[in-house]
Amino acid sequence: MRHALASKTRKLPAILERALNRSAGFKTVIVYCLGPAKGRPPCGHNASLNLSYLPDWDWRDISAHLKCTKCGTVGYVDTRVNWSEKIDFNRGIS
């Protein structure tokens, strides 16, 4: 029980906080759908989302409102910064 409570109160790592606040120079995030959550396998759909289209809300509030365009699940997402904007994986860090 203690571990579950701790995971709910954890803050995002600093790089994610900066990236999601648009100040680290990232223009997009990649959103992965983890739904549907009712015993079936995860949807797995993913899409790139432009940060300029999002409101200036707390990132957790934004994630709670995102809807998968494939399965329709709302708020059950895993969001990652789009590192391919910063790293050319063929050449290394730019």
N, C-alpha and C. Protein backbone atom coordinates (compact mmCIF):
# COMPACT_ATOMS: atom_id res chain seq x y z
N MET A 1 0.82 -1.19 0.00
CA MET A 1 0.00 0.00 0.00
C MET A 1 0.86 1.26 0.00
N ARG A 2 1.92 1.23 0.76
CA ARG A 2 2.80 2.38 0.84
C ARG A 2 3.42 2.70 -0.51
N HIS A 3 3.83 1.66 -1.26
CA HIS A 3 4.43 1.85 -2.57
C HIS A 3 3.43 2.47 -3.54
N ALA A 4 2.19 2.05 -3.52
CA ALA A 4 1.17 2.60 -4.42
C ALA A 4 0.95 4.08 -4.16
N LEU A 5 0.93 4.48 -2.91
CA LEU A 5 0.75 5.88 -2.56
C LEU A 5 1.94 6.71 -3.03
N ALA A 6 3.13 6.18 -2.86
CA ALA A 6 4.34 6.90 -3.28
C ALA A 6 4.35 7.11 -4.79
N SER A 7 3.90 6.11 -5.56
CA SER A 7 3.94 6.27 -7.01
C SER A 7 2.95 7.33 -7.48
N LYS A 8 1.87 7.56 -6.76
CA LYS A 8 0.90 8.57 -7.15
C LYS A 8 1.41 9.99 -6.87
N THR A 9 2.30 10.13 -5.92
CA THR A 9 2.76 11.46 -5.54
C THR A 9 4.11 11.82 -6.15
N ARG A 10 4.70 10.92 -6.94
CA ARG A 10 6.00 11.20 -7.55
C ARG A 10 5.89 12.34 -8.54
N LYS A 11 6.92 13.15 -8.60
CA LYS A 11 6.99 14.22 -9.60
C LYS A 11 7.63 13.67 -10.86
N LEU A 12 7.37 14.32 -11.97
CA LEU A 12 8.01 13.95 -13.22
C LEU A 12 9.49 14.30 -13.14
N PRO A 13 10.35 13.55 -13.83
CA PRO A 13 11.76 13.92 -13.88
C PRO A 13 11.91 15.32 -14.48
N ALA A 14 12.96 16.01 -14.11
CA ALA A 14 13.15 17.41 -14.52
C ALA A 14 13.11 17.59 -16.03
N ILE A 15 13.71 16.66 -16.79
CA ILE A 15 13.72 16.83 -18.25
C ILE A 15 12.30 16.76 -18.80
N LEU A 16 11.47 15.93 -18.22
CA LEU A 16 10.09 15.85 -18.68
C LEU A 16 9.32 17.10 -18.30
N GLU A 17 9.54 17.61 -17.12
CA GLU A 17 8.86 18.84 -16.70
C GLU A 17 9.20 19.97 -17.67
N ARG A 18 10.50 20.12 -18.01
CA ARG A 18 10.89 21.18 -18.94
C ARG A 18 10.31 20.95 -20.32
N ALA A 19 10.41 19.72 -20.80
CA ALA A 19 9.94 19.44 -22.16
C ALA A 19 8.44 19.67 -22.27
N LEU A 20 7.70 19.25 -21.28
CA LEU A 20 6.26 19.37 -21.36
C LEU A 20 5.82 20.80 -21.10
N ASN A 21 6.68 21.60 -20.53
CA ASN A 21 6.39 23.02 -20.38
C ASN A 21 6.91 23.82 -21.57
N ARG A 22 7.31 23.11 -22.61
CA ARG A 22 7.72 23.70 -23.88
C ARG A 22 9.04 24.47 -23.82
N SER A 23 9.71 24.54 -22.68
CA SER A 23 10.90 25.36 -22.59
C SER A 23 12.19 24.61 -22.94
N ALA A 24 12.12 23.31 -23.15
CA ALA A 24 13.33 22.57 -23.50
C ALA A 24 13.50 22.45 -25.01
N GLY A 25 12.61 23.05 -25.76
CA GLY A 25 12.74 23.05 -27.21
C GLY A 25 12.04 21.91 -27.93
N PHE A 26 11.37 21.04 -27.19
CA PHE A 26 10.62 19.97 -27.83
C PHE A 26 9.35 20.55 -28.45
N LYS A 27 9.00 20.07 -29.62
CA LYS A 27 7.79 20.53 -30.29
C LYS A 27 6.67 19.50 -30.21
N THR A 28 7.04 18.23 -30.02
CA THR A 28 6.04 17.16 -29.96
C THR A 28 6.35 16.18 -28.84
N VAL A 29 5.33 15.44 -28.47
CA VAL A 29 5.47 14.30 -27.57
C VAL A 29 4.87 13.10 -28.29
N ILE A 30 5.28 11.92 -27.89
CA ILE A 30 4.69 10.70 -28.44
C ILE A 30 3.79 10.12 -27.36
N VAL A 31 2.54 9.85 -27.72
CA VAL A 31 1.55 9.35 -26.78
C VAL A 31 1.21 7.92 -27.16
N TYR A 32 1.36 7.00 -26.19
CA TYR A 32 1.05 5.59 -26.39
C TYR A 32 -0.22 5.25 -25.64
N CYS A 33 -1.15 4.59 -26.30
CA CYS A 33 -2.39 4.16 -25.65
C CYS A 33 -2.13 2.87 -24.89
N LEU A 34 -2.55 2.83 -23.64
CA LEU A 34 -2.42 1.64 -22.81
C LEU A 34 -3.76 0.92 -22.63
N GLY A 35 -4.82 1.45 -23.21
CA GLY A 35 -6.15 0.86 -23.06
C GLY A 35 -6.37 -0.21 -24.12
N PRO A 36 -7.45 -0.92 -24.11
CA PRO A 36 -8.50 -0.87 -23.10
C PRO A 36 -8.07 -1.60 -21.83
N ALA A 37 -8.57 -1.14 -20.72
CA ALA A 37 -8.11 -1.61 -19.41
C ALA A 37 -8.91 -2.76 -18.84
N LYS A 38 -9.85 -3.33 -19.57
CA LYS A 38 -10.74 -4.35 -19.00
C LYS A 38 -10.33 -5.76 -19.37
N GLY A 39 -9.11 -6.16 -19.04
CA GLY A 39 -8.67 -7.53 -19.21
C GLY A 39 -8.23 -7.91 -20.62
N ARG A 40 -8.41 -7.04 -21.57
CA ARG A 40 -7.95 -7.32 -22.92
C ARG A 40 -6.53 -6.80 -23.09
N PRO A 41 -5.86 -7.24 -24.15
CA PRO A 41 -4.49 -6.73 -24.37
C PRO A 41 -4.50 -5.23 -24.63
N PRO A 42 -3.40 -4.55 -24.31
CA PRO A 42 -3.33 -3.10 -24.55
C PRO A 42 -3.50 -2.79 -26.03
N CYS A 43 -4.08 -1.65 -26.32
CA CYS A 43 -4.31 -1.18 -27.68
C CYS A 43 -2.98 -0.99 -28.41
N GLY A 44 -2.04 -0.26 -27.79
CA GLY A 44 -0.72 -0.06 -28.36
C GLY A 44 -0.63 1.02 -29.43
N HIS A 45 -1.74 1.66 -29.75
CA HIS A 45 -1.71 2.73 -30.75
C HIS A 45 -0.84 3.87 -30.24
N ASN A 46 -0.12 4.53 -31.13
CA ASN A 46 0.69 5.68 -30.70
C ASN A 46 0.60 6.76 -31.76
N ALA A 47 0.83 7.97 -31.32
CA ALA A 47 0.79 9.11 -32.21
C ALA A 47 1.67 10.22 -31.67
N SER A 48 2.12 11.06 -32.56
CA SER A 48 2.89 12.24 -32.19
C SER A 48 1.90 13.39 -31.99
N LEU A 49 2.07 14.12 -30.92
CA LEU A 49 1.15 15.20 -30.58
C LEU A 49 1.92 16.51 -30.48
N ASN A 50 1.50 17.50 -31.23
CA ASN A 50 2.16 18.80 -31.25
C ASN A 50 1.84 19.55 -29.95
N LEU A 51 2.87 19.97 -29.24
CA LEU A 51 2.68 20.66 -27.97
C LEU A 51 1.98 22.01 -28.11
N SER A 52 2.10 22.63 -29.27
CA SER A 52 1.47 23.95 -29.45
C SER A 52 -0.06 23.85 -29.48
N TYR A 53 -0.60 22.66 -29.72
CA TYR A 53 -2.06 22.48 -29.73
C TYR A 53 -2.65 22.29 -28.34
N LEU A 54 -1.80 22.14 -27.34
CA LEU A 54 -2.27 21.81 -25.99
C LEU A 54 -2.42 23.05 -25.13
N PRO A 55 -3.37 23.04 -24.20
CA PRO A 55 -3.53 24.18 -23.29
C PRO A 55 -2.39 24.23 -22.27
N ASP A 56 -2.26 25.33 -21.58
CA ASP A 56 -1.23 25.49 -20.54
C ASP A 56 -1.73 24.94 -19.21
N TRP A 57 -2.08 23.67 -19.21
CA TRP A 57 -2.52 22.97 -18.01
C TRP A 57 -1.37 22.14 -17.47
N ASP A 58 -1.56 21.62 -16.27
CA ASP A 58 -0.65 20.64 -15.72
C ASP A 58 -0.67 19.42 -16.63
N TRP A 59 0.50 18.81 -16.86
CA TRP A 59 0.57 17.70 -17.81
C TRP A 59 -0.32 16.53 -17.42
N ARG A 60 -0.46 16.26 -16.14
CA ARG A 60 -1.34 15.15 -15.72
C ARG A 60 -2.79 15.42 -16.08
N ASP A 61 -3.21 16.68 -16.02
CA ASP A 61 -4.58 17.03 -16.42
C ASP A 61 -4.77 16.85 -17.93
N ILE A 62 -3.77 17.21 -18.70
CA ILE A 62 -3.86 17.02 -20.15
C ILE A 62 -3.96 15.53 -20.47
N SER A 63 -3.11 14.72 -19.86
CA SER A 63 -3.12 13.28 -20.13
C SER A 63 -4.46 12.65 -19.78
N ALA A 64 -5.10 13.15 -18.75
CA ALA A 64 -6.40 12.60 -18.33
C ALA A 64 -7.48 12.85 -19.37
N HIS A 65 -7.27 13.80 -20.28
CA HIS A 65 -8.28 14.13 -21.29
C HIS A 65 -7.96 13.59 -22.68
N LEU A 66 -6.79 13.00 -22.87
CA LEU A 66 -6.42 12.50 -24.19
C LEU A 66 -7.21 11.24 -24.53
N LYS A 67 -7.73 11.17 -25.75
CA LYS A 67 -8.54 10.05 -26.20
C LYS A 67 -7.84 9.35 -27.37
N CYS A 68 -7.73 8.04 -27.29
CA CYS A 68 -7.13 7.25 -28.36
C CYS A 68 -8.05 7.27 -29.58
N THR A 69 -7.48 7.56 -30.74
CA THR A 69 -8.29 7.61 -31.96
C THR A 69 -8.55 6.22 -32.53
N LYS A 70 -7.92 5.20 -31.97
CA LYS A 70 -8.14 3.83 -32.44
C LYS A 70 -9.20 3.10 -31.61
N CYS A 71 -9.01 3.08 -30.27
CA CYS A 71 -9.92 2.29 -29.43
C CYS A 71 -10.90 3.15 -28.63
N GLY A 72 -10.66 4.46 -28.56
CA GLY A 72 -11.58 5.36 -27.87
C GLY A 72 -11.36 5.51 -26.38
N THR A 73 -10.35 4.84 -25.81
CA THR A 73 -10.06 4.95 -24.39
C THR A 73 -9.59 6.37 -24.05
N VAL A 74 -10.08 6.92 -22.96
CA VAL A 74 -9.73 8.27 -22.54
C VAL A 74 -8.84 8.22 -21.31
N GLY A 75 -7.72 8.94 -21.35
CA GLY A 75 -6.89 9.14 -20.17
C GLY A 75 -5.98 8.00 -19.78
N TYR A 76 -5.91 6.95 -20.56
CA TYR A 76 -5.08 5.80 -20.21
C TYR A 76 -3.89 5.77 -21.16
N VAL A 77 -2.95 6.72 -20.98
CA VAL A 77 -1.86 6.92 -21.92
C VAL A 77 -0.51 6.96 -21.22
N ASP A 78 0.52 6.69 -22.00
CA ASP A 78 1.90 6.83 -21.58
C ASP A 78 2.53 7.85 -22.52
N THR A 79 3.00 8.94 -21.99
CA THR A 79 3.51 10.02 -22.82
C THR A 79 5.01 10.14 -22.67
N ARG A 80 5.69 10.28 -23.80
CA ARG A 80 7.15 10.39 -23.81
C ARG A 80 7.57 11.58 -24.66
N VAL A 81 8.65 12.23 -24.27
CA VAL A 81 9.16 13.30 -25.13
C VAL A 81 9.67 12.69 -26.42
N ASN A 82 9.60 13.42 -27.49
CA ASN A 82 10.02 12.93 -28.81
C ASN A 82 11.51 13.21 -28.98
N TRP A 83 12.33 12.29 -28.53
CA TRP A 83 13.78 12.48 -28.55
C TRP A 83 14.33 12.56 -29.97
N SER A 84 13.58 12.07 -30.96
CA SER A 84 14.10 12.15 -32.34
C SER A 84 14.19 13.59 -32.82
N GLU A 85 13.57 14.53 -32.11
CA GLU A 85 13.73 15.95 -32.44
C GLU A 85 15.11 16.46 -32.02
N LYS A 86 15.70 15.84 -31.03
CA LYS A 86 16.99 16.29 -30.49
C LYS A 86 18.15 15.40 -30.89
N ILE A 87 17.87 14.12 -31.18
CA ILE A 87 18.94 13.16 -31.47
C ILE A 87 18.72 12.58 -32.85
N ASP A 88 19.77 12.68 -33.68
CA ASP A 88 19.78 11.96 -34.95
C ASP A 88 20.35 10.60 -34.61
N PHE A 89 19.53 9.58 -34.57
CA PHE A 89 19.97 8.27 -34.11
C PHE A 89 21.01 7.65 -35.03
N ASN A 90 21.19 8.18 -36.21
CA ASN A 90 22.24 7.72 -37.11
C ASN A 90 23.56 8.42 -36.84
N ARG A 91 23.50 9.65 -36.27
CA ARG A 91 24.71 10.44 -36.06
C ARG A 91 25.02 10.69 -34.58
N GLY A 92 24.04 10.63 -33.70
CA GLY A 92 24.25 10.91 -32.30
C GLY A 92 23.56 12.20 -31.89
N ILE A 93 23.91 12.74 -30.75
CA ILE A 93 23.28 13.93 -30.22
C ILE A 93 23.66 15.14 -31.07
N SER A 94 22.63 15.95 -31.41
CA SER A 94 22.91 17.15 -32.23
C SER A 94 23.20 18.36 -31.39
